[in-house]
N, C-alpha and C. Protein backbone atom coordinates (compact mmCIF):
# COMPACT_ATOMS: atom_id res chain seq x y z
N MET A 1 26.90 56.71 -24.68
CA MET A 1 26.85 56.37 -23.28
C MET A 1 28.23 56.46 -22.62
N PRO A 2 29.34 56.51 -23.36
CA PRO A 2 30.63 56.62 -22.68
C PRO A 2 30.75 57.97 -21.97
N VAL A 3 31.40 57.92 -20.82
CA VAL A 3 31.57 59.12 -20.02
C VAL A 3 32.95 59.70 -20.33
N GLN A 4 33.00 60.97 -20.69
CA GLN A 4 34.26 61.61 -21.00
C GLN A 4 34.44 62.83 -20.11
N VAL A 5 35.68 62.97 -19.61
CA VAL A 5 36.03 64.14 -18.81
C VAL A 5 37.38 64.61 -19.32
N THR A 6 37.45 65.88 -19.71
CA THR A 6 38.72 66.43 -20.18
C THR A 6 39.36 67.24 -19.07
N LYS A 7 40.68 67.22 -19.06
CA LYS A 7 41.44 67.91 -18.02
C LYS A 7 41.43 69.41 -18.29
N ASN A 8 41.09 70.18 -17.27
CA ASN A 8 41.12 71.64 -17.36
C ASN A 8 42.54 72.14 -17.09
N GLN A 9 42.78 73.36 -17.45
CA GLN A 9 44.10 73.94 -17.18
C GLN A 9 44.30 74.07 -15.67
N LYS A 10 45.53 73.79 -15.23
CA LYS A 10 45.92 73.88 -13.83
C LYS A 10 45.07 73.00 -12.92
N GLU A 11 44.60 71.87 -13.44
CA GLU A 11 43.81 70.94 -12.63
C GLU A 11 44.69 69.75 -12.25
N THR A 12 44.67 69.38 -11.00
CA THR A 12 45.49 68.26 -10.57
C THR A 12 44.86 66.95 -11.02
N SER A 13 45.68 65.91 -11.02
CA SER A 13 45.17 64.61 -11.45
C SER A 13 44.14 64.08 -10.45
N GLN A 14 44.33 64.39 -9.17
CA GLN A 14 43.36 63.96 -8.17
C GLN A 14 41.99 64.59 -8.41
N ASN A 15 42.00 65.87 -8.74
CA ASN A 15 40.72 66.53 -9.03
C ASN A 15 40.06 65.95 -10.27
N LEU A 16 40.87 65.61 -11.25
CA LEU A 16 40.34 65.01 -12.48
C LEU A 16 39.69 63.66 -12.19
N VAL A 17 40.37 62.84 -11.40
CA VAL A 17 39.81 61.53 -11.04
C VAL A 17 38.53 61.71 -10.22
N HIS A 18 38.53 62.66 -9.31
CA HIS A 18 37.34 62.93 -8.50
C HIS A 18 36.16 63.35 -9.38
N ARG A 19 36.43 64.24 -10.32
CA ARG A 19 35.37 64.69 -11.23
C ARG A 19 34.86 63.54 -12.10
N PHE A 20 35.78 62.69 -12.54
CA PHE A 20 35.40 61.55 -13.37
C PHE A 20 34.50 60.59 -12.60
N THR A 21 34.90 60.24 -11.37
CA THR A 21 34.08 59.32 -10.58
C THR A 21 32.71 59.92 -10.28
N LYS A 22 32.67 61.22 -10.07
CA LYS A 22 31.39 61.90 -9.80
C LYS A 22 30.47 61.81 -11.02
N THR A 23 31.01 62.04 -12.21
CA THR A 23 30.18 61.98 -13.42
C THR A 23 29.72 60.54 -13.70
N VAL A 24 30.60 59.57 -13.39
CA VAL A 24 30.21 58.17 -13.59
C VAL A 24 29.06 57.82 -12.65
N ARG A 25 29.16 58.24 -11.39
CA ARG A 25 28.09 57.98 -10.43
C ARG A 25 26.78 58.62 -10.86
N GLN A 26 26.85 59.86 -11.34
CA GLN A 26 25.64 60.57 -11.73
C GLN A 26 25.02 60.00 -13.00
N SER A 27 25.84 59.43 -13.87
CA SER A 27 25.30 58.89 -15.13
C SER A 27 24.55 57.59 -14.91
N GLY A 28 24.87 56.84 -13.84
CA GLY A 28 24.17 55.60 -13.56
C GLY A 28 24.69 54.41 -14.34
N VAL A 29 25.87 54.52 -14.92
CA VAL A 29 26.44 53.44 -15.71
C VAL A 29 26.76 52.23 -14.82
N LEU A 30 27.33 52.48 -13.64
CA LEU A 30 27.70 51.39 -12.75
C LEU A 30 26.48 50.61 -12.27
N LEU A 31 25.40 51.30 -11.97
CA LEU A 31 24.18 50.62 -11.53
C LEU A 31 23.66 49.70 -12.62
N GLU A 32 23.68 50.17 -13.84
CA GLU A 32 23.22 49.35 -14.97
C GLU A 32 24.06 48.09 -15.12
N ILE A 33 25.37 48.25 -15.03
CA ILE A 33 26.28 47.11 -15.19
C ILE A 33 26.09 46.12 -14.07
N ARG A 34 25.91 46.60 -12.85
CA ARG A 34 25.71 45.69 -11.72
C ARG A 34 24.40 44.93 -11.87
N LYS A 35 23.37 45.60 -12.37
CA LYS A 35 22.10 44.91 -12.59
C LYS A 35 22.26 43.78 -13.59
N LYS A 36 23.02 44.03 -14.64
CA LYS A 36 23.25 42.99 -15.64
C LYS A 36 24.10 41.86 -15.09
N ARG A 37 25.09 42.21 -14.28
CA ARG A 37 26.03 41.20 -13.77
C ARG A 37 25.35 40.26 -12.78
N PHE A 38 24.54 40.78 -11.89
CA PHE A 38 23.93 39.97 -10.85
C PHE A 38 22.46 39.66 -11.14
N HIS A 39 22.11 39.62 -12.40
CA HIS A 39 20.73 39.34 -12.80
C HIS A 39 20.37 37.90 -12.48
N LYS A 40 19.21 37.70 -11.89
CA LYS A 40 18.73 36.35 -11.59
C LYS A 40 17.58 36.02 -12.52
N ARG A 41 17.61 34.81 -13.02
CA ARG A 41 16.53 34.37 -13.90
C ARG A 41 15.25 34.17 -13.11
N ALA A 42 14.13 34.36 -13.77
CA ALA A 42 12.84 34.12 -13.14
C ALA A 42 12.61 32.62 -13.03
N LYS A 43 11.97 32.20 -11.94
CA LYS A 43 11.71 30.78 -11.74
C LYS A 43 10.58 30.33 -12.66
N SER A 44 10.69 29.10 -13.13
CA SER A 44 9.66 28.56 -14.01
C SER A 44 8.42 28.23 -13.18
N ALA A 45 7.32 28.02 -13.85
CA ALA A 45 6.05 27.73 -13.17
C ALA A 45 6.13 26.43 -12.38
N LEU A 46 6.81 25.43 -12.95
CA LEU A 46 6.93 24.14 -12.28
C LEU A 46 7.74 24.26 -10.99
N VAL A 47 8.80 25.02 -11.03
CA VAL A 47 9.63 25.20 -9.83
C VAL A 47 8.85 25.94 -8.75
N LYS A 48 8.09 26.96 -9.15
CA LYS A 48 7.27 27.69 -8.18
C LYS A 48 6.24 26.76 -7.54
N LYS A 49 5.63 25.94 -8.35
CA LYS A 49 4.60 25.03 -7.85
C LYS A 49 5.20 24.03 -6.88
N ARG A 50 6.37 23.48 -7.22
CA ARG A 50 7.03 22.51 -6.34
C ARG A 50 7.41 23.14 -5.00
N SER A 51 7.94 24.35 -5.05
CA SER A 51 8.34 25.00 -3.80
C SER A 51 7.11 25.31 -2.93
N ALA A 52 6.01 25.69 -3.56
CA ALA A 52 4.78 25.97 -2.81
C ALA A 52 4.27 24.69 -2.15
N LEU A 53 4.31 23.58 -2.87
CA LEU A 53 3.86 22.31 -2.29
C LEU A 53 4.77 21.89 -1.14
N ARG A 54 6.06 22.11 -1.30
CA ARG A 54 7.02 21.77 -0.23
C ARG A 54 6.74 22.61 1.03
N LYS A 55 6.45 23.90 0.85
CA LYS A 55 6.14 24.75 2.00
C LYS A 55 4.88 24.26 2.71
N ILE A 56 3.88 23.85 1.95
CA ILE A 56 2.63 23.36 2.54
C ILE A 56 2.91 22.09 3.35
N GLU A 57 3.72 21.19 2.80
CA GLU A 57 4.07 19.96 3.51
C GLU A 57 4.84 20.26 4.79
N LEU A 58 5.77 21.17 4.73
CA LEU A 58 6.56 21.50 5.92
C LEU A 58 5.69 22.13 7.00
N ARG A 59 4.75 22.98 6.61
CA ARG A 59 3.84 23.58 7.58
C ARG A 59 2.99 22.51 8.27
N ALA A 60 2.50 21.55 7.46
CA ALA A 60 1.67 20.47 8.01
C ALA A 60 2.49 19.62 8.99
N GLU A 61 3.74 19.34 8.66
CA GLU A 61 4.60 18.56 9.56
C GLU A 61 4.84 19.32 10.86
N LYS A 62 5.02 20.62 10.76
CA LYS A 62 5.27 21.44 11.96
C LYS A 62 4.05 21.46 12.86
N VAL A 63 2.86 21.60 12.27
CA VAL A 63 1.63 21.61 13.05
C VAL A 63 1.46 20.27 13.73
N LYS A 64 1.73 19.19 13.03
CA LYS A 64 1.60 17.85 13.59
C LYS A 64 2.59 17.66 14.73
N ALA A 65 3.83 18.11 14.57
CA ALA A 65 4.84 17.98 15.60
C ALA A 65 4.46 18.82 16.83
N ASP A 66 3.88 20.00 16.61
CA ASP A 66 3.45 20.84 17.72
C ASP A 66 2.33 20.18 18.51
N LYS A 67 1.43 19.51 17.81
CA LYS A 67 0.32 18.85 18.49
C LYS A 67 0.80 17.66 19.30
N LEU A 68 1.83 16.96 18.81
CA LEU A 68 2.32 15.77 19.49
C LEU A 68 3.34 16.11 20.58
N ALA A 69 3.78 17.34 20.64
CA ALA A 69 4.80 17.74 21.61
C ALA A 69 4.21 17.71 23.02
N LYS A 70 5.10 17.46 23.99
CA LYS A 70 4.66 17.43 25.37
C LYS A 70 4.35 18.84 25.85
N PRO A 71 3.31 19.00 26.67
CA PRO A 71 3.02 20.33 27.21
C PRO A 71 4.08 20.73 28.23
N LYS A 72 4.31 22.00 28.34
CA LYS A 72 5.34 22.49 29.26
C LYS A 72 4.84 22.65 30.66
């Protein structure tokens, strides 16, 4: 999986760096590393259930507040 680029004859260092970055981008190594670095764990079933119940409660409170609000 390592990316290797060898310098050609009469090739400038800027061209070499440009070719190297191009091959790294095409290989997809950076995307893989970023996925691993910023990976988020999946929520447990209990956490999902609690958040769903909280959303239901908040919706009910909003509906109640809307009903009690003064008409415009």
